[in-house]
PDB file of all heavy atoms in Angstrom:
ATOM      1  N   GLY A   1       0.895  -1.280  -0.080  1.00  0.00           N
ATOM      2  CA  GLY A   1      -0.012  -0.080  -0.008  1.00  0.00           C
ATOM      3  C   GLY A   1       0.912   1.277   0.000  1.00  0.00           C
ATOM      4  O   GLY A   1       2.126   1.254  -0.086  1.00  0.00           O
ATOM      5  N   TRP A   2       0.135   2.368   0.093  1.00  0.00           N
ATOM      6  CA  TRP A   2       0.700   3.745   0.024  1.00  0.00           C
ATOM      7  C   TRP A   2       0.109   4.559   1.216  1.00  0.00           C
ATOM      8  O   TRP A   2      -1.103   4.494   1.437  1.00  0.00           O
ATOM      9  CB  TRP A   2       0.451   4.461  -1.301  1.00  0.00           C
ATOM     10  CG  TRP A   2       1.141   3.810  -2.386  1.00  0.00           C
ATOM     11  CD1 TRP A   2       0.622   2.827  -3.296  1.00  0.00           C
ATOM     12  CD2 TRP A   2       2.467   4.070  -2.878  1.00  0.00           C
ATOM     13  NE1 TRP A   2       1.503   2.554  -4.227  1.00  0.00           N
ATOM     14  CE2 TRP A   2       2.674   3.333  -3.950  1.00  0.00           C
ATOM     15  CE3 TRP A   2       3.493   4.936  -2.490  1.00  0.00           C
ATOM     16  CZ2 TRP A   2       3.886   3.255  -4.636  1.00  0.00           C
ATOM     17  CZ3 TRP A   2       4.653   4.945  -3.190  1.00  0.00           C
ATOM     18  CH2 TRP A   2       4.759   4.164  -4.267  1.00  0.00           C
ATOM     19  N   TYR A   3       0.873   5.222   1.862  1.00  0.00           N
ATOM     20  CA  TYR A   3       0.542   6.135   2.970  1.00  0.00           C
ATOM     21  C   TYR A   3       1.159   7.468   2.654  1.00  0.00           C
ATOM     22  O   TYR A   3       2.160   7.535   1.913  1.00  0.00           O
ATOM     23  CB  TYR A   3       0.974   5.562   4.275  1.00  0.00           C
ATOM     24  CG  TYR A   3       0.241   4.422   4.807  1.00  0.00           C
ATOM     25  CD1 TYR A   3       0.564   3.084   4.283  1.00  0.00           C
ATOM     26  CD2 TYR A   3      -0.837   4.420   5.676  1.00  0.00           C
ATOM     27  CE1 TYR A   3      -0.015   1.992   4.589  1.00  0.00           C
ATOM     28  CE2 TYR A   3      -1.401   3.321   6.040  1.00  0.00           C
ATOM     29  CZ  TYR A   3      -1.078   2.080   5.582  1.00  0.00           C
ATOM     30  OH  TYR A   3      -1.784   1.010   5.962  1.00  0.00           O
ATOM     31  N   ARG A   4       0.731   8.506   3.243  1.00  0.00           N
ATOM     32  CA  ARG A   4       1.155   9.871   2.861  1.00  0.00           C
ATOM     33  C   ARG A   4       1.213  10.762   4.238  1.00  0.00           C
ATOM     34  O   ARG A   4       0.402  10.460   5.140  1.00  0.00           O
ATOM     35  CB  ARG A   4       0.575  10.679   1.836  1.00  0.00           C
ATOM     36  CG  ARG A   4      -0.972  10.936   2.156  1.00  0.00           C
ATOM     37  CD  ARG A   4      -1.569  11.719   0.940  1.00  0.00           C
ATOM     38  NE  ARG A   4      -2.892  12.124   1.259  1.00  0.00           N
ATOM     39  CZ  ARG A   4      -3.825  12.583   0.281  1.00  0.00           C
ATOM     40  NH1 ARG A   4      -3.497  12.541  -0.940  1.00  0.00           N
ATOM     41  NH2 ARG A   4      -5.076  13.003   0.785  1.00  0.00           N
ATOM     42  N   GLN A   5       2.100  11.623   4.264  1.00  0.00           N
ATOM     43  CA  GLN A   5       2.124  12.526   5.430  1.00  0.00           C
ATOM     44  C   GLN A   5       2.494  14.010   4.900  1.00  0.00           C
ATOM     45  O   GLN A   5       3.530  14.186   4.329  1.00  0.00           O
ATOM     46  CB  GLN A   5       3.153  12.054   6.356  1.00  0.00           C
ATOM     47  CG  GLN A   5       3.252  12.839   7.609  1.00  0.00           C
ATOM     48  CD  GLN A   5       4.141  12.246   8.760  1.00  0.00           C
ATOM     49  OE1 GLN A   5       5.016  11.444   8.410  1.00  0.00           O
ATOM     50  NE2 GLN A   5       3.910  12.523   9.983  1.00  0.00           N
ATOM     51  N   ALA A   6       1.702  14.855   5.204  1.00  0.00           N
ATOM     52  CA  ALA A   6       1.803  16.321   4.856  1.00  0.00           C
ATOM     53  C   ALA A   6       2.509  16.992   6.146  1.00  0.00           C
ATOM     54  O   ALA A   6       2.358  16.442   7.253  1.00  0.00           O
ATOM     55  CB  ALA A   6       0.503  16.971   4.471  1.00  0.00           C
ATOM     56  N   PRO A   7       3.069  18.146   5.919  1.00  0.00           N
ATOM     57  CA  PRO A   7       3.759  18.821   7.012  1.00  0.00           C
ATOM     58  C   PRO A   7       2.811  19.272   8.156  1.00  0.00           C
ATOM     59  O   PRO A   7       1.630  19.698   7.789  1.00  0.00           O
ATOM     60  CB  PRO A   7       4.350  20.109   6.334  1.00  0.00           C
ATOM     61  CG  PRO A   7       4.436  19.715   4.956  1.00  0.00           C
ATOM     62  CD  PRO A   7       3.399  18.751   4.550  1.00  0.00           C
ATOM     63  N   GLY A   8       3.225  18.835   9.293  1.00  0.00           N
ATOM     64  CA  GLY A   8       2.326  19.146  10.561  1.00  0.00           C
ATOM     65  C   GLY A   8       1.156  18.194  10.671  1.00  0.00           C
ATOM     66  O   GLY A   8       0.334  18.417  11.587  1.00  0.00           O
ATOM     67  N   LYS A   9       0.997  17.192   9.913  1.00  0.00           N
ATOM     68  CA  LYS A   9      -0.011  16.177   9.943  1.00  0.00           C
ATOM     69  C   LYS A   9       0.489  14.867  10.135  1.00  0.00           C
ATOM     70  O   LYS A   9       1.577  14.570   9.891  1.00  0.00           O
ATOM     71  CB  LYS A   9      -0.963  16.363   8.763  1.00  0.00           C
ATOM     72  CG  LYS A   9      -1.552  17.756   8.456  1.00  0.00           C
ATOM     73  CD  LYS A   9      -2.471  17.631   7.210  1.00  0.00           C
ATOM     74  CE  LYS A   9      -3.112  19.026   7.059  1.00  0.00           C
ATOM     75  NZ  LYS A   9      -4.035  19.031   5.796  1.00  0.00           N
ATOM     76  N   GLU A  10      -0.497  13.947  10.621  1.00  0.00           N
ATOM     77  CA  GLU A  10      -0.225  12.580  10.832  1.00  0.00           C
ATOM     78  C   GLU A  10      -0.118  11.857   9.520  1.00  0.00           C
ATOM     79  O   GLU A  10      -0.782  12.264   8.542  1.00  0.00           O
ATOM     80  CB  GLU A  10      -1.066  11.926  11.776  1.00  0.00           C
ATOM     81  CG  GLU A  10      -1.065  12.516  13.248  1.00  0.00           C
ATOM     82  CD  GLU A  10      -2.009  11.809  14.227  1.00  0.00           C
ATOM     83  OE1 GLU A  10      -2.815  11.018  13.734  1.00  0.00           O
ATOM     84  OE2 GLU A  10      -1.878  12.055  15.414  1.00  0.00           O
ATOM     85  N   ARG A  11       0.675  10.723   9.528  1.00  0.00           N
ATOM     86  CA  ARG A  11       0.599   9.824   8.478  1.00  0.00           C
ATOM     87  C   ARG A  11      -0.830   9.253   8.261  1.00  0.00           C
ATOM     88  O   ARG A  11      -1.410   8.741   9.179  1.00  0.00           O
ATOM     89  CB  ARG A  11       1.550   8.824   8.427  1.00  0.00           C
ATOM     90  CG  ARG A  11       1.818   7.946   7.331  1.00  0.00           C
ATOM     91  CD  ARG A  11       3.120   7.066   7.422  1.00  0.00           C
ATOM     92  NE  ARG A  11       4.235   7.782   7.649  1.00  0.00           N
ATOM     93  CZ  ARG A  11       5.456   7.293   7.603  1.00  0.00           C
ATOM     94  NH1 ARG A  11       5.574   5.880   7.513  1.00  0.00           N
ATOM     95  NH2 ARG A  11       6.540   7.882   7.892  1.00  0.00           N
ATOM     96  N   GLU A  12      -1.373   9.175   6.972  1.00  0.00           N
ATOM     97  CA  GLU A  12      -2.683   8.652   6.773  1.00  0.00           C
ATOM     98  C   GLU A  12      -2.654   7.646   5.597  1.00  0.00           C
ATOM     99  O   GLU A  12      -1.730   7.614   4.759  1.00  0.00           O
ATOM    100  CB  GLU A  12      -3.617   9.823   6.376  1.00  0.00           C
ATOM    101  CG  GLU A  12      -3.300  10.576   5.100  1.00  0.00           C
ATOM    102  CD  GLU A  12      -4.300  11.511   4.741  1.00  0.00           C
ATOM    103  OE1 GLU A  12      -5.483  11.592   5.363  1.00  0.00           O
ATOM    104  OE2 GLU A  12      -4.074  12.337   3.726  1.00  0.00           O
ATOM    105  N   LEU A  13      -3.608   6.853   5.665  1.00  0.00           N
ATOM    106  CA  LEU A  13      -3.809   5.827   4.566  1.00  0.00           C
ATOM    107  C   LEU A  13      -4.247   6.438   3.341  1.00  0.00           C
ATOM    108  O   LEU A  13      -5.109   7.303   3.066  1.00  0.00           O
ATOM    109  CB  LEU A  13      -4.975   4.896   4.973  1.00  0.00           C
ATOM    110  CG  LEU A  13      -5.508   3.950   3.886  1.00  0.00           C
ATOM    111  CD1 LEU A  13      -4.396   2.939   3.510  1.00  0.00           C
ATOM    112  CD2 LEU A  13      -6.827   3.328   4.313  1.00  0.00           C
ATOM    113  N   VAL A  14      -3.526   6.120   2.148  1.00  0.00           N
ATOM    114  CA  VAL A  14      -3.974   6.484   0.763  1.00  0.00           C
ATOM    115  C   VAL A  14      -4.651   5.297   0.260  1.00  0.00           C
ATOM    116  O   VAL A  14      -5.959   5.368  -0.153  1.00  0.00           O
ATOM    117  CB  VAL A  14      -2.732   6.842  -0.078  1.00  0.00           C
ATOM    118  CG1 VAL A  14      -3.228   7.084  -1.528  1.00  0.00           C
ATOM    119  CG2 VAL A  14      -2.035   8.055   0.610  1.00  0.00           C
ATOM    120  N   ALA A  15      -3.994   4.220   0.105  1.00  0.00           N
ATOM    121  CA  ALA A  15      -4.631   2.933  -0.426  1.00  0.00           C
ATOM    122  C   ALA A  15      -3.748   1.719  -0.136  1.00  0.00           C
ATOM    123  O   ALA A  15      -2.554   1.806   0.040  1.00  0.00           O
ATOM    124  CB  ALA A  15      -4.709   3.074  -1.991  1.00  0.00           C
ATOM    125  N   THR A  16      -4.499   0.603  -0.010  1.00  0.00           N
ATOM    126  CA  THR A  16      -3.886  -0.634   0.170  1.00  0.00           C
ATOM    127  C   THR A  16      -4.503  -1.731  -0.761  1.00  0.00           C
ATOM    128  O   THR A  16      -5.644  -1.565  -1.205  1.00  0.00           O
ATOM    129  CB  THR A  16      -3.951  -1.200   1.687  1.00  0.00           C
ATOM    130  OG1 THR A  16      -5.359  -1.431   2.003  1.00  0.00           O
ATOM    131  CG2 THR A  16      -3.290  -0.264   2.635  1.00  0.00           C
ATOM    132  N   ILE A  17      -3.691  -2.682  -1.034  1.00  0.00           N
ATOM    133  CA  ILE A  17      -4.216  -3.765  -1.925  1.00  0.00           C
ATOM    134  C   ILE A  17      -3.770  -5.082  -1.464  1.00  0.00           C
ATOM    135  O   ILE A  17      -2.487  -5.281  -1.168  1.00  0.00           O
ATOM    136  CB  ILE A  17      -3.774  -3.563  -3.375  1.00  0.00           C
ATOM    137  CG1 ILE A  17      -4.405  -4.652  -4.295  1.00  0.00           C
ATOM    138  CG2 ILE A  17      -2.352  -3.479  -3.552  1.00  0.00           C
ATOM    139  CD1 ILE A  17      -4.350  -4.334  -5.717  1.00  0.00           C
ATOM    140  N   GLY A  18      -4.617  -6.095  -1.319  1.00  0.00           N
ATOM    141  CA  GLY A  18      -4.237  -7.365  -0.700  1.00  0.00           C
ATOM    142  C   GLY A  18      -3.717  -8.190  -1.857  1.00  0.00           C
ATOM    143  O   GLY A  18      -3.603  -7.901  -3.006  1.00  0.00           O
ATOM    144  N   ARG A  19      -3.340  -9.466  -1.394  1.00  0.00           N
ATOM    145  CA  ARG A  19      -2.675 -10.388  -2.232  1.00  0.00           C
ATOM    146  C   ARG A  19      -3.413 -10.731  -3.453  1.00  0.00           C
ATOM    147  O   ARG A  19      -2.819 -10.924  -4.518  1.00  0.00           O
ATOM    148  CB  ARG A  19      -2.184 -11.605  -1.445  1.00  0.00           C
ATOM    149  CG  ARG A  19      -1.490 -12.649  -2.311  1.00  0.00           C
ATOM    150  CD  ARG A  19      -1.184 -13.909  -1.325  1.00  0.00           C
ATOM    151  NE  ARG A  19      -0.438 -14.997  -2.058  1.00  0.00           N
ATOM    152  CZ  ARG A  19      -0.130 -16.083  -1.639  1.00  0.00           C
ATOM    153  NH1 ARG A  19      -0.498 -16.475  -0.411  1.00  0.00           N
ATOM    154  NH2 ARG A  19       0.478 -17.072  -2.346  1.00  0.00           N
ATOM    155  N   PHE A  20      -4.725 -10.749  -3.278  1.00  0.00           N
ATOM    156  CA  PHE A  20      -5.619 -11.180  -4.345  1.00  0.00           C
ATOM    157  C   PHE A  20      -6.489 -10.150  -4.872  1.00  0.00           C
ATOM    158  O   PHE A  20      -7.477 -10.392  -5.558  1.00  0.00           O
ATOM    159  CB  PHE A  20      -6.534 -12.483  -3.900  1.00  0.00           C
ATOM    160  CG  PHE A  20      -5.655 -13.615  -3.572  1.00  0.00           C
ATOM    161  CD1 PHE A  20      -5.512 -14.046  -2.231  1.00  0.00           C
ATOM    162  CD2 PHE A  20      -5.050 -14.414  -4.464  1.00  0.00           C
ATOM    163  CE1 PHE A  20      -4.807 -14.946  -1.934  1.00  0.00           C
ATOM    164  CE2 PHE A  20      -4.233 -15.505  -4.125  1.00  0.00           C
ATOM    165  CZ  PHE A  20      -4.137 -15.787  -2.768  1.00  0.00           C
ATOM    166  N   GLY A  21      -6.000  -8.844  -4.735  1.00  0.00           N
ATOM    167  CA  GLY A  21      -6.745  -7.651  -5.309  1.00  0.00           C
ATOM    168  C   GLY A  21      -7.729  -6.998  -4.505  1.00  0.00           C
ATOM    169  O   GLY A  21      -8.249  -5.950  -4.948  1.00  0.00           O
ATOM    170  N   THR A  22      -8.019  -7.333  -3.237  1.00  0.00           N
ATOM    171  CA  THR A  22      -8.895  -6.527  -2.497  1.00  0.00           C
ATOM    172  C   THR A  22      -8.183  -5.189  -2.160  1.00  0.00           C
ATOM    173  O   THR A  22      -7.121  -5.068  -1.698  1.00  0.00           O
ATOM    174  CB  THR A  22      -9.194  -7.276  -1.184  1.00  0.00           C
ATOM    175  OG1 THR A  22      -9.871  -8.535  -1.425  1.00  0.00           O
ATOM    176  CG2 THR A  22     -10.278  -6.350  -0.313  1.00  0.00           C
ATOM    177  N   THR A  23      -8.979  -4.002  -2.321  1.00  0.00           N
ATOM    178  CA  THR A  23      -8.414  -2.784  -2.205  1.00  0.00           C
ATOM    179  C   THR A  23      -9.199  -1.981  -1.069  1.00  0.00           C
ATOM    180  O   THR A  23     -10.353  -2.285  -0.740  1.00  0.00           O
ATOM    181  CB  THR A  23      -8.497  -1.943  -3.428  1.00  0.00           C
ATOM    182  OG1 THR A  23      -9.927  -1.835  -3.922  1.00  0.00           O
ATOM    183  CG2 THR A  23      -7.738  -2.570  -4.615  1.00  0.00           C
ATOM    184  N   ASP A  24      -8.478  -0.952  -0.483  1.00  0.00           N
ATOM    185  CA  ASP A  24      -8.999  -0.118   0.538  1.00  0.00           C
ATOM    186  C   ASP A  24      -8.476   1.319   0.215  1.00  0.00           C
ATOM    187  O   ASP A  24      -7.143   1.393  -0.001  1.00  0.00           O
ATOM    188  CB  ASP A  24      -8.712  -0.538   1.870  1.00  0.00           C
ATOM    189  CG  ASP A  24      -9.284   0.233   2.899  1.00  0.00           C
ATOM    190  OD1 ASP A  24     -10.409   0.787   2.738  1.00  0.00           O
ATOM    191  OD2 ASP A  24      -8.806   0.237   4.091  1.00  0.00           O
ATOM    192  N   TYR A  25      -9.340   2.288   0.213  1.00  0.00           N
ATOM    193  CA  TYR A  25      -8.808   3.724  -0.104  1.00  0.00           C
ATOM    194  C   TYR A  25      -9.226   4.568   1.057  1.00  0.00           C
ATOM    195  O   TYR A  25     -10.318   4.472   1.689  1.00  0.00           O
ATOM    196  CB  TYR A  25      -9.640   4.226  -1.351  1.00  0.00           C
ATOM    197  CG  TYR A  25      -8.977   3.495  -2.620  1.00  0.00           C
ATOM    198  CD1 TYR A  25      -9.683   2.431  -3.146  1.00  0.00           C
ATOM    199  CD2 TYR A  25      -7.959   3.946  -3.366  1.00  0.00           C
ATOM    200  CE1 TYR A  25      -9.289   1.750  -4.392  1.00  0.00           C
ATOM    201  CE2 TYR A  25      -7.477   3.339  -4.436  1.00  0.00           C
ATOM    202  CZ  TYR A  25      -8.111   2.195  -4.924  1.00  0.00           C
ATOM    203  OH  TYR A  25      -7.773   1.499  -6.004  1.00  0.00           O
ATOM    204  N   GLY A  26      -8.415   5.671   1.268  1.00  0.00           N
ATOM    205  CA  GLY A  26      -8.792   6.691   2.039  1.00  0.00           C
ATOM    206  C   GLY A  26      -9.851   7.547   1.523  1.00  0.00           C
ATOM    207  O   GLY A  26      -9.990   7.564   0.272  1.00  0.00           O
ATOM    208  N   ASP A  27     -10.728   8.127   2.341  1.00  0.00           N
ATOM    209  CA  ASP A  27     -11.893   8.836   1.846  1.00  0.00           C
ATOM    210  C   ASP A  27     -11.611  10.017   0.920  1.00  0.00           C
ATOM    211  O   ASP A  27     -12.303  10.271  -0.064  1.00  0.00           O
ATOM    212  CB  ASP A  27     -12.739   9.334   3.095  1.00  0.00           C
ATOM    213  CG  ASP A  27     -13.450   8.215   3.874  1.00  0.00           C
ATOM    214  OD1 ASP A  27     -13.523   7.137   3.247  1.00  0.00           O
ATOM    215  OD2 ASP A  27     -13.752   8.415   4.974  1.00  0.00           O
ATOM    216  N   SER A  28     -10.449  10.629   1.240  1.00  0.00           N
ATOM    217  CA  SER A  28     -10.011  11.848   0.412  1.00  0.00           C
ATOM    218  C   SER A  28      -9.643  11.608  -0.953  1.00  0.00           C
ATOM    219  O   SER A  28      -9.548  12.442  -1.828  1.00  0.00           O
ATOM    220  CB  SER A  28      -9.028  12.627   1.126  1.00  0.00           C
ATOM    221  OG  SER A  28      -7.824  11.876   1.305  1.00  0.00           O
ATOM    222  N   VAL A  29      -9.178  10.308  -1.229  1.00  0.00           N
ATOM    223  CA  VAL A  29      -8.789   9.957  -2.543  1.00  0.00           C
ATOM    224  C   VAL A  29      -9.602   8.964  -3.426  1.00  0.00           C
ATOM    225  O   VAL A  29      -9.410   8.689  -4.650  1.00  0.00           O
ATOM    226  CB  VAL A  29      -7.418   9.368  -2.532  1.00  0.00           C
ATOM    227  CG1 VAL A  29      -6.497  10.218  -1.708  1.00  0.00           C
ATOM    228  CG2 VAL A  29      -7.459   7.861  -1.804  1.00  0.00           C
ATOM    229  N   LYS A  30     -10.712   8.552  -2.766  1.00  0.00           N
ATOM    230  CA  LYS A  30     -11.653   7.741  -3.410  1.00  0.00           C
ATOM    231  C   LYS A  30     -12.245   8.307  -4.739  1.00  0.00           C
ATOM    232  O   LYS A  30     -12.686   9.447  -4.791  1.00  0.00           O
ATOM    233  CB  LYS A  30     -12.963   7.245  -2.587  1.00  0.00           C
ATOM    234  CG  LYS A  30     -12.459   6.335  -1.486  1.00  0.00           C
ATOM    235  CD  LYS A  30     -13.661   5.952  -0.572  1.00  0.00           C
ATOM    236  CE  LYS A  30     -13.352   5.093   0.484  1.00  0.00           C
ATOM    237  NZ  LYS A  30     -14.365   4.710   1.296  1.00  0.00           N
ATOM    238  N   GLY A  31     -12.167   7.541  -5.834  1.00  0.00           N
ATOM    239  CA  GLY A  31     -12.744   8.076  -7.186  1.00  0.00           C
ATOM    240  C   GLY A  31     -11.521   8.712  -7.946  1.00  0.00           C
ATOM    241  O   GLY A  31     -11.846   9.059  -9.050  1.00  0.00           O
ATOM    242  N   ARG A  32     -10.464   9.033  -7.298  1.00  0.00           N
ATOM    243  CA  ARG A  32      -9.442   9.712  -8.066  1.00  0.00           C
ATOM    244  C   ARG A  32      -8.212   8.949  -8.231  1.00  0.00           C
ATOM    245  O   ARG A  32      -7.441   9.065  -9.246  1.00  0.00           O
ATOM    246  CB  ARG A  32      -9.041  11.040  -7.298  1.00  0.00           C
ATOM    247  CG  ARG A  32     -10.198  12.006  -7.261  1.00  0.00           C
ATOM    248  CD  ARG A  32      -9.670  13.423  -6.676  1.00  0.00           C
ATOM    249  NE  ARG A  32      -9.235  13.318  -5.389  1.00  0.00           N
ATOM    250  CZ  ARG A  32      -7.995  13.613  -4.965  1.00  0.00           C
ATOM    251  NH1 ARG A  32      -7.111  14.010  -5.825  1.00  0.00           N
ATOM    252  NH2 ARG A  32      -7.643  13.549  -3.670  1.00  0.00           N
ATOM    253  N   PHE A  33      -7.788   8.136  -7.155  1.00  0.00           N
ATOM    254  CA  PHE A  33      -6.669   7.285  -7.147  1.00  0.00           C
ATOM    255  C   PHE A  33      -7.015   5.921  -7.342  1.00  0.00           C
ATOM    256  O   PHE A  33      -8.142   5.444  -7.049  1.00  0.00           O
ATOM    257  CB  PHE A  33      -5.909   7.431  -5.882  1.00  0.00           C
ATOM    258  CG  PHE A  33      -5.262   8.873  -5.552  1.00  0.00           C
ATOM    259  CD1 PHE A  33      -5.492   9.840  -6.379  1.00  0.00           C
ATOM    260  CD2 PHE A  33      -4.479   8.979  -4.446  1.00  0.00           C
ATOM    261  CE1 PHE A  33      -4.929  11.183  -6.208  1.00  0.00           C
ATOM    262  CE2 PHE A  33      -3.952  10.230  -4.111  1.00  0.00           C
ATOM    263  CZ  PHE A  33      -4.158  11.250  -5.003  1.00  0.00           C
ATOM    264  N   ALA A  34      -6.076   5.056  -7.905  1.00  0.00           N
ATOM    265  CA  ALA A  34      -6.210   3.601  -8.128  1.00  0.00           C
ATOM    266  C   ALA A  34      -4.927   2.886  -7.739  1.00  0.00           C
ATOM    267  O   ALA A  34      -3.911   3.338  -8.304  1.00  0.00           O
ATOM    268  CB  ALA A  34      -6.756   3.389  -9.593  1.00  0.00           C
ATOM    269  N   ILE A  35      -5.028   1.864  -7.004  1.00  0.00           N
ATOM    270  CA  ILE A  35      -3.843   1.221  -6.625  1.00  0.00           C
ATOM    271  C   ILE A  35      -4.000  -0.192  -7.349  1.00  0.00           C
ATOM    272  O   ILE A  35      -4.965  -0.741  -7.591  1.00  0.00           O
ATOM    273  CB  ILE A  35      -3.838   0.970  -5.160  1.00  0.00           C
ATOM    274  CG1 ILE A  35      -2.452   0.262  -4.718  1.00  0.00           C
ATOM    275  CG2 ILE A  35      -4.958   0.097  -4.663  1.00  0.00           C
ATOM    276  CD1 ILE A  35      -2.268   0.235  -3.160  1.00  0.00           C
ATOM    277  N   SER A  36      -2.727  -0.716  -7.729  1.00  0.00           N
ATOM    278  CA  SER A  36      -2.705  -1.949  -8.405  1.00  0.00           C
ATOM    279  C   SER A  36      -1.327  -2.619  -7.993  1.00  0.00           C
ATOM    280  O   SER A  36      -0.440  -1.892  -7.384  1.00  0.00           O
ATOM    281  CB  SER A  36      -2.856  -1.736  -9.907  1.00  0.00           C
ATOM    282  OG  SER A  36      -1.661  -0.913 -10.448  1.00  0.00           O
ATOM    283  N   ARG A  37      -1.177  -3.986  -8.249  1.00  0.00           N
ATOM    284  CA  ARG A  37      -0.056  -4.727  -8.002  1.00  0.00           C
ATOM    285  C   ARG A  37       0.383  -5.694  -9.003  1.00  0.00           C
ATOM    286  O   ARG A  37      -0.500  -6.054  -9.729  1.00  0.00           O
ATOM    287  CB  ARG A  37      -0.089  -5.235  -6.526  1.00  0.00           C
ATOM    288  CG  ARG A  37      -1.064  -6.352  -6.414  1.00  0.00           C
ATOM    289  CD  ARG A  37      -1.313  -6.893  -4.936  1.00  0.00           C
ATOM    290  NE  ARG A  37      -0.200  -7.794  -4.497  1.00  0.00           N
ATOM    291  CZ  ARG A  37      -0.047  -8.126  -3.291  1.00  0.00           C
ATOM    292  NH1 ARG A  37      -0.912  -7.735  -2.339  1.00  0.00           N
ATOM    293  NH2 ARG A  37       0.906  -8.952  -3.066  1.00  0.00           N
ATOM    294  N   ASP A  38       1.618  -5.960  -9.028  1.00  0.00           N
ATOM    295  CA  ASP A  38       2.100  -6.952  -9.969  1.00  0.00           C
ATOM    296  C   ASP A  38       2.869  -8.094  -8.999  1.00  0.00           C
ATOM    297  O   ASP A  38       4.027  -7.622  -8.630  1.00  0.00           O
ATOM    298  CB  ASP A  38       2.939  -6.406 -11.042  1.00  0.00           C
ATOM    299  CG  ASP A  38       3.465  -7.420 -12.115  1.00  0.00           C
ATOM    300  OD1 ASP A  38       3.483  -8.633 -11.752  1.00  0.00           O
ATOM    301  OD2 ASP A  38       3.758  -7.060 -13.200  1.00  0.00           O
ATOM    302  N   ASN A  39       2.242  -9.192  -8.757  1.00  0.00           N
ATOM    303  CA  ASN A  39       2.821 -10.081  -7.744  1.00  0.00           C
ATOM    304  C   ASN A  39       4.175 -10.736  -8.381  1.00  0.00           C
ATOM    305  O   ASN A  39       5.016 -10.948  -7.584  1.00  0.00           O
ATOM    306  CB  ASN A  39       1.794 -11.209  -7.594  1.00  0.00           C
ATOM    307  CG  ASN A  39       0.713 -10.718  -6.653  1.00  0.00           C
ATOM    308  OD1 ASN A  39       0.866  -9.793  -6.055  1.00  0.00           O
ATOM    309  ND2 ASN A  39      -0.422 -11.423  -6.869  1.00  0.00           N
ATOM    310  N   ALA A  40       4.205 -10.926  -9.719  1.00  0.00           N
ATOM    311  CA  ALA A  40       5.365 -11.439 -10.260  1.00  0.00           C
ATOM    312  C   ALA A  40       6.646 -10.507 -10.218  1.00  0.00           C
ATOM    313  O   ALA A  40       7.802 -10.996  -9.963  1.00  0.00           O
ATOM    314  CB  ALA A  40       5.157 -11.667 -11.863  1.00  0.00           C
TER     315      ALA A  40
END
């Protein structure tokens, strides 16, 4: 996954993806960001 941290703020979830493709997104990036993975 990906996390981000802006100056003066706590680190927050951007997106994660499981081994078989299950994804989770932070509310602020839903609909704009897309996470993917290449297991190979």
